[in-house]
Amino acid sequence: MHLFFLSGVFPVESLKMKSILLFFLFFTLSLFSAEITGKVIKISDGDTITIIDSNNRKYKIRLDKIDAPELKQCFGINAKNHLVSLIAGKQVKVIYRKKDRYKRILGIVYLQEKEINLQMVKDGFAWHYLFYDKSPEYIEAEQKARQNKSGLWIQENPVNPYEFRKKQRK
């Protein structure tokens, strides 16, 4: 087994050492993540929501790992409506590690045990944001949605939201 760190590759031979390193890795990753629980009070589009916690604090959440069509884009309203059907008014849990440049929390949204970000990709209402994330389950979910022509994949040439935004800025 080889573990990749910033300074290179370190071979790890013993099972005990592997176990210690894996424990340390998962422990430190959990230190850098946080959790918020709250009710979904607003869905701005297919990948942005607002929740309110039990202390009446509001949090704007950008669903991590995905990119849904913009509202002015083909399937943008469909993506928003699909997200509404999944979580509007419901109690969700958000696991996150950072905020984006717009100060939104970048998080994974869970309704009970269902990962909503992944569900949006599975149902064909969002792209997997491959540039920022290499999660195999998201890659597979998008491939299956494309093959099955689910959601936005029914279109002959769907436009990636990133490309759509880039054209809008010009």
N, C-alpha and C. Protein backbone atom coordinates (compact mmCIF):
# COMPACT_ATOMS: atom_id res chain seq x y z
N MET A 1 0.85 -1.18 0.00
CA MET A 1 0.00 0.00 0.00
C MET A 1 0.89 1.23 0.00
N HIS A 2 0.52 2.24 -0.75
CA HIS A 2 1.23 3.51 -0.74
C HIS A 2 0.26 4.61 -0.40
N LEU A 3 0.66 5.48 0.49
CA LEU A 3 -0.15 6.64 0.83
C LEU A 3 0.49 7.87 0.22
N PHE A 4 -0.33 8.70 -0.41
CA PHE A 4 0.17 9.90 -1.07
C PHE A 4 -0.01 11.09 -0.16
N PHE A 5 1.06 11.78 0.12
CA PHE A 5 1.04 12.99 0.92
C PHE A 5 1.64 14.12 0.12
N LEU A 6 1.67 15.31 0.69
CA LEU A 6 2.18 16.47 -0.03
C LEU A 6 3.62 16.29 -0.48
N SER A 7 4.43 15.66 0.31
CA SER A 7 5.86 15.58 -0.01
C SER A 7 6.25 14.33 -0.80
N GLY A 8 5.29 13.48 -1.15
CA GLY A 8 5.67 12.31 -1.95
C GLY A 8 4.93 11.06 -1.55
N VAL A 9 5.54 9.92 -1.85
CA VAL A 9 4.93 8.62 -1.60
C VAL A 9 5.71 7.91 -0.51
N PHE A 10 4.95 7.40 0.49
CA PHE A 10 5.57 6.69 1.59
C PHE A 10 5.04 5.27 1.61
N PRO A 11 5.91 4.27 1.46
CA PRO A 11 5.42 2.88 1.51
C PRO A 11 5.03 2.51 2.94
N VAL A 12 3.92 1.84 3.09
CA VAL A 12 3.46 1.39 4.40
C VAL A 12 3.28 -0.12 4.30
N GLU A 13 4.06 -0.87 5.09
CA GLU A 13 4.08 -2.32 4.96
C GLU A 13 3.25 -3.05 6.00
N SER A 14 3.30 -2.63 7.25
CA SER A 14 2.64 -3.42 8.30
C SER A 14 1.15 -3.09 8.38
N LEU A 15 0.36 -4.10 8.73
CA LEU A 15 -1.07 -3.94 8.89
C LEU A 15 -1.38 -2.96 10.02
N LYS A 16 -0.61 -3.05 11.10
CA LYS A 16 -0.82 -2.15 12.24
C LYS A 16 -0.59 -0.71 11.82
N MET A 17 0.47 -0.47 11.08
CA MET A 17 0.78 0.88 10.61
C MET A 17 -0.31 1.40 9.67
N LYS A 18 -0.80 0.53 8.79
CA LYS A 18 -1.89 0.92 7.88
C LYS A 18 -3.12 1.33 8.68
N SER A 19 -3.45 0.54 9.69
CA SER A 19 -4.63 0.83 10.51
C SER A 19 -4.49 2.16 11.23
N ILE A 20 -3.32 2.40 11.78
CA ILE A 20 -3.07 3.66 12.49
C ILE A 20 -3.19 4.84 11.53
N LEU A 21 -2.59 4.72 10.36
CA LEU A 21 -2.64 5.81 9.39
C LEU A 21 -4.05 6.06 8.88
N LEU A 22 -4.82 4.99 8.64
CA LEU A 22 -6.20 5.16 8.20
C LEU A 22 -7.05 5.82 9.28
N PHE A 23 -6.86 5.39 10.53
CA PHE A 23 -7.59 6.01 11.64
C PHE A 23 -7.25 7.50 11.71
N PHE A 24 -5.98 7.82 11.63
CA PHE A 24 -5.53 9.22 11.68
C PHE A 24 -6.13 10.02 10.53
N LEU A 25 -6.13 9.44 9.34
CA LEU A 25 -6.66 10.13 8.16
C LEU A 25 -8.14 10.43 8.33
N PHE A 26 -8.94 9.43 8.73
CA PHE A 26 -10.38 9.66 8.91
C PHE A 26 -10.66 10.60 10.07
N PHE A 27 -9.88 10.49 11.14
CA PHE A 27 -10.06 11.37 12.29
C PHE A 27 -9.80 12.81 11.90
N THR A 28 -8.69 13.07 11.18
CA THR A 28 -8.37 14.44 10.81
C THR A 28 -9.36 14.99 9.80
N LEU A 29 -9.84 14.15 8.88
CA LEU A 29 -10.85 14.63 7.93
C LEU A 29 -12.12 15.04 8.65
N SER A 30 -12.51 14.28 9.68
CA SER A 30 -13.72 14.61 10.41
C SER A 30 -13.55 15.91 11.21
N LEU A 31 -12.32 16.24 11.58
CA LEU A 31 -12.08 17.50 12.28
C LEU A 31 -12.34 18.70 11.39
N PHE A 32 -12.17 18.53 10.11
CA PHE A 32 -12.31 19.64 9.18
C PHE A 32 -13.71 19.77 8.62
N SER A 33 -14.62 18.88 8.97
CA SER A 33 -15.98 19.00 8.47
C SER A 33 -16.91 19.41 9.59
N ALA A 34 -18.01 20.02 9.18
CA ALA A 34 -19.01 20.47 10.15
C ALA A 34 -20.37 20.01 9.67
N GLU A 35 -21.34 20.12 10.56
CA GLU A 35 -22.69 19.66 10.25
C GLU A 35 -23.71 20.70 10.70
N ILE A 36 -24.69 20.93 9.86
CA ILE A 36 -25.82 21.81 10.20
C ILE A 36 -27.08 21.01 9.93
N THR A 37 -28.06 21.16 10.79
CA THR A 37 -29.37 20.55 10.57
C THR A 37 -30.39 21.67 10.56
N GLY A 38 -31.29 21.61 9.60
CA GLY A 38 -32.31 22.64 9.54
C GLY A 38 -33.39 22.33 8.53
N LYS A 39 -34.39 23.20 8.53
CA LYS A 39 -35.53 23.05 7.62
C LYS A 39 -35.24 23.84 6.35
N VAL A 40 -35.53 23.23 5.21
CA VAL A 40 -35.34 23.90 3.92
C VAL A 40 -36.46 24.93 3.77
N ILE A 41 -36.08 26.21 3.70
CA ILE A 41 -37.09 27.28 3.60
C ILE A 41 -37.09 27.96 2.24
N LYS A 42 -36.04 27.72 1.45
CA LYS A 42 -36.00 28.33 0.12
C LYS A 42 -35.13 27.47 -0.80
N ILE A 43 -35.58 27.35 -2.03
CA ILE A 43 -34.78 26.68 -3.05
C ILE A 43 -34.64 27.69 -4.18
N SER A 44 -33.42 28.19 -4.34
CA SER A 44 -33.15 29.25 -5.32
C SER A 44 -33.08 28.72 -6.73
N ASP A 45 -32.46 27.55 -6.88
CA ASP A 45 -32.30 26.90 -8.18
C ASP A 45 -31.98 25.43 -7.93
N GLY A 46 -31.48 24.73 -8.93
CA GLY A 46 -31.26 23.30 -8.80
C GLY A 46 -30.08 22.90 -7.95
N ASP A 47 -29.29 23.87 -7.47
CA ASP A 47 -28.15 23.52 -6.62
C ASP A 47 -27.89 24.52 -5.49
N THR A 48 -28.90 25.33 -5.14
CA THR A 48 -28.74 26.29 -4.05
C THR A 48 -30.01 26.34 -3.21
N ILE A 49 -29.83 26.17 -1.90
CA ILE A 49 -30.97 26.18 -0.98
C ILE A 49 -30.64 27.07 0.22
N THR A 50 -31.68 27.41 0.98
CA THR A 50 -31.51 28.09 2.25
C THR A 50 -32.21 27.25 3.31
N ILE A 51 -31.52 27.05 4.43
CA ILE A 51 -32.12 26.32 5.55
C ILE A 51 -32.12 27.22 6.78
N ILE A 52 -32.99 26.90 7.72
CA ILE A 52 -33.03 27.60 9.00
C ILE A 52 -32.89 26.56 10.10
N ASP A 53 -31.99 26.82 11.05
CA ASP A 53 -31.76 25.85 12.12
C ASP A 53 -32.69 26.12 13.30
N SER A 54 -32.55 25.36 14.37
CA SER A 54 -33.42 25.48 15.54
C SER A 54 -33.23 26.79 16.29
N ASN A 55 -32.13 27.50 16.02
CA ASN A 55 -31.88 28.81 16.64
C ASN A 55 -32.28 29.96 15.70
N ASN A 56 -33.03 29.63 14.66
CA ASN A 56 -33.50 30.60 13.66
C ASN A 56 -32.37 31.26 12.87
N ARG A 57 -31.22 30.60 12.78
CA ARG A 57 -30.14 31.09 11.92
C ARG A 57 -30.35 30.52 10.54
N LYS A 58 -30.18 31.40 9.53
CA LYS A 58 -30.34 30.97 8.15
C LYS A 58 -28.97 30.71 7.53
N TYR A 59 -28.92 29.69 6.68
CA TYR A 59 -27.68 29.32 5.98
C TYR A 59 -28.00 29.10 4.51
N LYS A 60 -27.21 29.75 3.66
CA LYS A 60 -27.34 29.52 2.22
C LYS A 60 -26.37 28.40 1.87
N ILE A 61 -26.88 27.36 1.23
CA ILE A 61 -26.11 26.17 0.93
C ILE A 61 -26.01 25.99 -0.59
N ARG A 62 -24.81 25.80 -1.06
CA ARG A 62 -24.57 25.43 -2.47
C ARG A 62 -24.25 23.95 -2.46
N LEU A 63 -25.06 23.15 -3.16
CA LEU A 63 -24.86 21.71 -3.18
C LEU A 63 -23.52 21.39 -3.84
N ASP A 64 -22.65 20.78 -3.06
CA ASP A 64 -21.30 20.45 -3.50
C ASP A 64 -21.32 19.30 -4.50
N LYS A 65 -20.32 19.24 -5.34
CA LYS A 65 -20.06 18.17 -6.30
C LYS A 65 -20.96 18.19 -7.53
N ILE A 66 -21.95 19.11 -7.57
CA ILE A 66 -22.86 19.13 -8.71
C ILE A 66 -22.99 20.54 -9.28
N ASP A 67 -23.49 20.61 -10.50
CA ASP A 67 -23.79 21.88 -11.14
C ASP A 67 -25.09 21.69 -11.91
N ALA A 68 -26.15 22.34 -11.45
CA ALA A 68 -27.45 22.24 -12.11
C ALA A 68 -27.60 23.34 -13.14
N PRO A 69 -28.45 23.13 -14.14
CA PRO A 69 -28.67 24.18 -15.14
C PRO A 69 -29.14 25.48 -14.48
N GLU A 70 -28.71 26.59 -15.05
CA GLU A 70 -29.14 27.91 -14.57
C GLU A 70 -30.63 28.08 -14.84
N LEU A 71 -31.30 28.94 -14.09
CA LEU A 71 -32.74 29.11 -14.25
C LEU A 71 -33.12 29.57 -15.66
N LYS A 72 -32.29 30.39 -16.28
CA LYS A 72 -32.57 30.89 -17.62
C LYS A 72 -32.15 29.90 -18.70
N GLN A 73 -31.62 28.78 -18.29
CA GLN A 73 -31.12 27.76 -19.20
C GLN A 73 -32.18 26.67 -19.36
N CYS A 74 -32.12 25.97 -20.48
CA CYS A 74 -33.01 24.84 -20.70
C CYS A 74 -32.86 23.85 -19.54
N PHE A 75 -33.94 23.42 -18.96
CA PHE A 75 -34.01 22.50 -17.83
C PHE A 75 -33.65 23.14 -16.49
N GLY A 76 -33.40 24.46 -16.45
CA GLY A 76 -33.11 25.13 -15.20
C GLY A 76 -34.29 25.11 -14.24
N ILE A 77 -35.48 25.45 -14.74
CA ILE A 77 -36.69 25.43 -13.91
C ILE A 77 -37.01 23.98 -13.51
N ASN A 78 -36.80 23.05 -14.44
CA ASN A 78 -37.05 21.63 -14.13
C ASN A 78 -36.16 21.16 -12.99
N ALA A 79 -34.88 21.56 -13.02
CA ALA A 79 -33.95 21.16 -11.96
C ALA A 79 -34.38 21.73 -10.62
N LYS A 80 -34.77 23.01 -10.62
CA LYS A 80 -35.24 23.63 -9.38
C LYS A 80 -36.48 22.90 -8.87
N ASN A 81 -37.44 22.65 -9.75
CA ASN A 81 -38.67 21.97 -9.34
C ASN A 81 -38.41 20.56 -8.83
N HIS A 82 -37.43 19.89 -9.42
CA HIS A 82 -37.09 18.55 -8.94
C HIS A 82 -36.52 18.61 -7.52
N LEU A 83 -35.64 19.58 -7.28
CA LEU A 83 -35.08 19.75 -5.94
C LEU A 83 -36.18 20.11 -4.94
N VAL A 84 -37.12 20.96 -5.37
CA VAL A 84 -38.28 21.29 -4.54
C VAL A 84 -39.03 20.01 -4.16
N SER A 85 -39.26 19.14 -5.14
CA SER A 85 -40.02 17.90 -4.87
C SER A 85 -39.28 16.98 -3.90
N LEU A 86 -37.96 17.08 -3.88
CA LEU A 86 -37.17 16.21 -2.99
C LEU A 86 -37.10 16.71 -1.55
N ILE A 87 -36.93 18.04 -1.37
CA ILE A 87 -36.60 18.50 -0.01
C ILE A 87 -37.32 19.75 0.49
N ALA A 88 -38.16 20.39 -0.29
CA ALA A 88 -38.82 21.63 0.16
C ALA A 88 -39.57 21.41 1.47
N GLY A 89 -39.31 22.29 2.44
CA GLY A 89 -40.00 22.23 3.72
C GLY A 89 -39.57 21.10 4.63
N LYS A 90 -38.57 20.35 4.23
CA LYS A 90 -38.15 19.18 5.02
C LYS A 90 -36.91 19.48 5.85
N GLN A 91 -36.73 18.68 6.88
CA GLN A 91 -35.57 18.76 7.76
C GLN A 91 -34.42 18.01 7.10
N VAL A 92 -33.29 18.71 6.88
CA VAL A 92 -32.13 18.10 6.24
C VAL A 92 -30.89 18.29 7.10
N LYS A 93 -29.90 17.48 6.78
CA LYS A 93 -28.58 17.60 7.42
C LYS A 93 -27.61 17.98 6.31
N VAL A 94 -26.71 18.91 6.62
CA VAL A 94 -25.70 19.35 5.65
C VAL A 94 -24.32 19.12 6.26
N ILE A 95 -23.49 18.37 5.54
CA ILE A 95 -22.11 18.15 5.95
C ILE A 95 -21.25 19.01 5.02
N TYR A 96 -20.36 19.79 5.62
CA TYR A 96 -19.54 20.69 4.80
C TYR A 96 -18.16 20.90 5.41
N ARG A 97 -17.25 21.41 4.55
CA ARG A 97 -15.89 21.73 5.00
C ARG A 97 -15.50 23.16 4.68
N LYS A 98 -16.18 23.80 3.74
CA LYS A 98 -15.76 25.15 3.35
C LYS A 98 -16.91 25.94 2.75
N LYS A 99 -16.61 27.19 2.45
CA LYS A 99 -17.55 28.08 1.77
C LYS A 99 -16.98 28.43 0.40
N ASP A 100 -17.87 28.81 -0.51
CA ASP A 100 -17.41 29.21 -1.83
C ASP A 100 -17.10 30.71 -1.85
N ARG A 101 -16.71 31.23 -2.99
CA ARG A 101 -16.32 32.64 -3.08
C ARG A 101 -17.48 33.59 -2.83
N TYR A 102 -18.72 33.09 -2.88
CA TYR A 102 -19.90 33.91 -2.61
C TYR A 102 -20.36 33.76 -1.16
N LYS A 103 -19.54 33.12 -0.33
CA LYS A 103 -19.80 32.90 1.10
C LYS A 103 -20.93 31.91 1.38
N ARG A 104 -21.30 31.11 0.35
CA ARG A 104 -22.28 30.05 0.57
C ARG A 104 -21.54 28.82 1.10
N ILE A 105 -22.21 28.08 1.95
CA ILE A 105 -21.65 26.82 2.44
C ILE A 105 -21.70 25.82 1.30
N LEU A 106 -20.58 25.17 1.04
CA LEU A 106 -20.52 24.09 0.04
C LEU A 106 -20.74 22.78 0.78
N GLY A 107 -21.90 22.19 0.60
CA GLY A 107 -22.19 21.02 1.41
C GLY A 107 -22.91 19.90 0.70
N ILE A 108 -22.88 18.76 1.35
CA ILE A 108 -23.63 17.59 0.91
C ILE A 108 -24.91 17.58 1.75
N VAL A 109 -26.05 17.56 1.07
CA VAL A 109 -27.34 17.62 1.75
C VAL A 109 -27.91 16.21 1.86
N TYR A 110 -28.38 15.87 3.06
CA TYR A 110 -28.97 14.56 3.32
C TYR A 110 -30.40 14.73 3.82
N LEU A 111 -31.30 13.96 3.24
CA LEU A 111 -32.65 13.82 3.75
C LEU A 111 -32.71 12.42 4.32
N GLN A 112 -32.72 12.34 5.64
CA GLN A 112 -32.52 11.08 6.33
C GLN A 112 -31.19 10.50 5.85
N GLU A 113 -31.17 9.36 5.21
CA GLU A 113 -29.90 8.78 4.76
C GLU A 113 -29.64 9.02 3.26
N LYS A 114 -30.58 9.67 2.57
CA LYS A 114 -30.45 9.88 1.13
C LYS A 114 -29.59 11.11 0.85
N GLU A 115 -28.56 10.91 0.02
CA GLU A 115 -27.67 12.00 -0.37
C GLU A 115 -28.32 12.74 -1.55
N ILE A 116 -28.84 13.91 -1.28
CA ILE A 116 -29.63 14.66 -2.26
C ILE A 116 -28.78 15.13 -3.44
N ASN A 117 -27.55 15.55 -3.19
CA ASN A 117 -26.68 15.99 -4.29
C ASN A 117 -26.54 14.87 -5.32
N LEU A 118 -26.24 13.68 -4.85
CA LEU A 118 -26.09 12.52 -5.72
C LEU A 118 -27.41 12.19 -6.40
N GLN A 119 -28.51 12.32 -5.69
CA GLN A 119 -29.83 12.02 -6.27
C GLN A 119 -30.13 12.95 -7.45
N MET A 120 -29.73 14.22 -7.34
CA MET A 120 -29.95 15.17 -8.44
C MET A 120 -29.22 14.70 -9.70
N VAL A 121 -28.02 14.17 -9.53
CA VAL A 121 -27.25 13.66 -10.68
C VAL A 121 -27.90 12.39 -11.21
N LYS A 122 -28.27 11.48 -10.32
CA LYS A 122 -28.91 10.22 -10.72
C LYS A 122 -30.18 10.47 -11.53
N ASP A 123 -30.95 11.46 -11.10
CA ASP A 123 -32.23 11.74 -11.74
C ASP A 123 -32.08 12.57 -13.02
N GLY A 124 -30.85 13.00 -13.31
CA GLY A 124 -30.59 13.72 -14.54
C GLY A 124 -30.89 15.21 -14.48
N PHE A 125 -30.85 15.80 -13.30
CA PHE A 125 -31.13 17.22 -13.17
C PHE A 125 -29.91 18.05 -12.79
N ALA A 126 -28.73 17.42 -12.83
CA ALA A 126 -27.49 18.13 -12.55
C ALA A 126 -26.32 17.36 -13.15
N TRP A 127 -25.30 18.10 -13.49
CA TRP A 127 -24.03 17.51 -13.91
C TRP A 127 -23.22 17.20 -12.66
N HIS A 128 -22.40 16.21 -12.73
CA HIS A 128 -21.38 16.00 -11.72
C HIS A 128 -20.29 17.03 -12.00
N TYR A 129 -19.86 17.77 -10.99
CA TYR A 129 -18.86 18.82 -11.16
C TYR A 129 -17.48 18.17 -11.15
N LEU A 130 -17.15 17.50 -12.23
CA LEU A 130 -15.95 16.68 -12.36
C LEU A 130 -14.66 17.49 -12.17
N PHE A 131 -14.69 18.77 -12.50
CA PHE A 131 -13.50 19.61 -12.35
C PHE A 131 -13.05 19.68 -10.89
N TYR A 132 -14.01 19.68 -9.95
CA TYR A 132 -13.71 19.80 -8.52
C TYR A 132 -13.80 18.49 -7.75
N ASP A 133 -14.37 17.47 -8.34
CA ASP A 133 -14.63 16.25 -7.59
C ASP A 133 -14.49 15.03 -8.50
N LYS A 134 -13.89 13.99 -7.97
CA LYS A 134 -13.66 12.76 -8.74
C LYS A 134 -14.36 11.54 -8.12
N SER A 135 -15.42 11.77 -7.37
CA SER A 135 -16.12 10.67 -6.70
C SER A 135 -16.69 9.67 -7.70
N PRO A 136 -16.30 8.41 -7.60
CA PRO A 136 -16.76 7.40 -8.56
C PRO A 136 -18.28 7.25 -8.61
N GLU A 137 -18.95 7.37 -7.46
CA GLU A 137 -20.41 7.20 -7.47
C GLU A 137 -21.10 8.32 -8.24
N TYR A 138 -20.52 9.51 -8.23
CA TYR A 138 -21.09 10.62 -9.01
C TYR A 138 -20.81 10.44 -10.50
N ILE A 139 -19.61 9.99 -10.81
CA ILE A 139 -19.25 9.73 -12.21
C ILE A 139 -20.20 8.68 -12.80
N GLU A 140 -20.39 7.60 -12.05
CA GLU A 140 -21.28 6.51 -12.50
C GLU A 140 -22.72 6.99 -12.61
N ALA A 141 -23.17 7.81 -11.65
CA ALA A 141 -24.55 8.31 -11.67
C ALA A 141 -24.82 9.15 -12.91
N GLU A 142 -23.86 10.00 -13.27
CA GLU A 142 -24.05 10.82 -14.47
C GLU A 142 -24.04 9.96 -15.72
N GLN A 143 -23.14 8.99 -15.79
CA GLN A 143 -23.08 8.10 -16.95
C GLN A 143 -24.41 7.36 -17.15
N LYS A 144 -24.97 6.86 -16.05
CA LYS A 144 -26.24 6.13 -16.13
C LYS A 144 -27.39 7.06 -16.54
N ALA A 145 -27.41 8.26 -15.99
CA ALA A 145 -28.46 9.22 -16.34
C ALA A 145 -28.38 9.58 -17.83
N ARG A 146 -27.16 9.76 -18.33
CA ARG A 146 -26.96 10.04 -19.77
C ARG A 146 -27.46 8.86 -20.62
N GLN A 147 -27.06 7.65 -20.24
CA GLN A 147 -27.46 6.45 -21.00
C GLN A 147 -28.97 6.27 -21.02
N ASN A 148 -29.60 6.55 -19.88
CA ASN A 148 -31.05 6.38 -19.75
C ASN A 148 -31.84 7.59 -20.26
N LYS A 149 -31.12 8.63 -20.67
CA LYS A 149 -31.75 9.88 -21.13
C LYS A 149 -32.71 10.43 -20.07
N SER A 150 -32.24 10.42 -18.83
CA SER A 150 -33.03 10.93 -17.71
C SER A 150 -32.89 12.45 -17.62
N GLY A 151 -33.99 13.11 -17.28
CA GLY A 151 -33.96 14.55 -17.06
C GLY A 151 -33.41 15.31 -18.24
N LEU A 152 -32.42 16.16 -17.99
CA LEU A 152 -31.85 17.02 -19.02
C LEU A 152 -31.16 16.24 -20.12
N TRP A 153 -30.84 14.99 -19.88
CA TRP A 153 -30.13 14.18 -20.87
C TRP A 153 -31.03 13.73 -22.01
N ILE A 154 -32.31 14.08 -21.94
CA ILE A 154 -33.21 13.81 -23.05
C ILE A 154 -32.89 14.74 -24.23
N GLN A 155 -32.24 15.87 -23.93
CA GLN A 155 -31.86 16.82 -24.96
C GLN A 155 -30.75 16.24 -25.84
N GLU A 156 -30.73 16.65 -27.08
CA GLU A 156 -29.71 16.16 -28.00
C GLU A 156 -28.32 16.68 -27.63
N ASN A 157 -28.21 17.97 -27.32
CA ASN A 157 -26.93 18.58 -26.97
C ASN A 157 -27.07 19.49 -25.75
N PRO A 158 -27.22 18.92 -24.56
CA PRO A 158 -27.37 19.77 -23.38
C PRO A 158 -26.11 20.61 -23.16
N VAL A 159 -26.32 21.84 -22.71
CA VAL A 159 -25.21 22.76 -22.48
C VAL A 159 -24.85 22.74 -21.00
N ASN A 160 -23.60 22.45 -20.72
CA ASN A 160 -23.09 22.45 -19.36
C ASN A 160 -23.29 23.85 -18.75
N PRO A 161 -23.77 23.95 -17.50
CA PRO A 161 -24.00 25.26 -16.89
C PRO A 161 -22.76 26.16 -16.87
N TYR A 162 -21.60 25.57 -16.72
CA TYR A 162 -20.36 26.35 -16.75
C TYR A 162 -20.22 27.06 -18.09
N GLU A 163 -20.45 26.32 -19.19
CA GLU A 163 -20.37 26.90 -20.53
C GLU A 163 -21.45 27.95 -20.72
N PHE A 164 -22.65 27.71 -20.21
CA PHE A 164 -23.74 28.66 -20.32
C PHE A 164 -23.39 29.97 -19.62
N ARG A 165 -22.84 29.86 -18.40
CA ARG A 165 -22.45 31.08 -17.66
C ARG A 165 -21.35 31.84 -18.37
N LYS A 166 -20.40 31.10 -18.93
CA LYS A 166 -19.30 31.73 -19.65
C LYS A 166 -19.82 32.53 -20.84
N LYS A 167 -20.77 31.99 -21.59
CA LYS A 167 -21.36 32.70 -22.72
C LYS A 167 -22.14 33.94 -22.26
N GLN A 168 -22.80 33.82 -21.10
CA GLN A 168 -23.59 34.95 -20.57
C GLN A 168 -22.69 36.12 -20.17
N ARG A 169 -21.47 35.82 -19.73
CA ARG A 169 -20.55 36.90 -19.31
C ARG A 169 -20.00 37.67 -20.49
N LYS A 170 -19.97 37.06 -21.66
CA LYS A 170 -19.40 37.73 -22.85
C LYS A 170 -20.33 38.76 -23.43
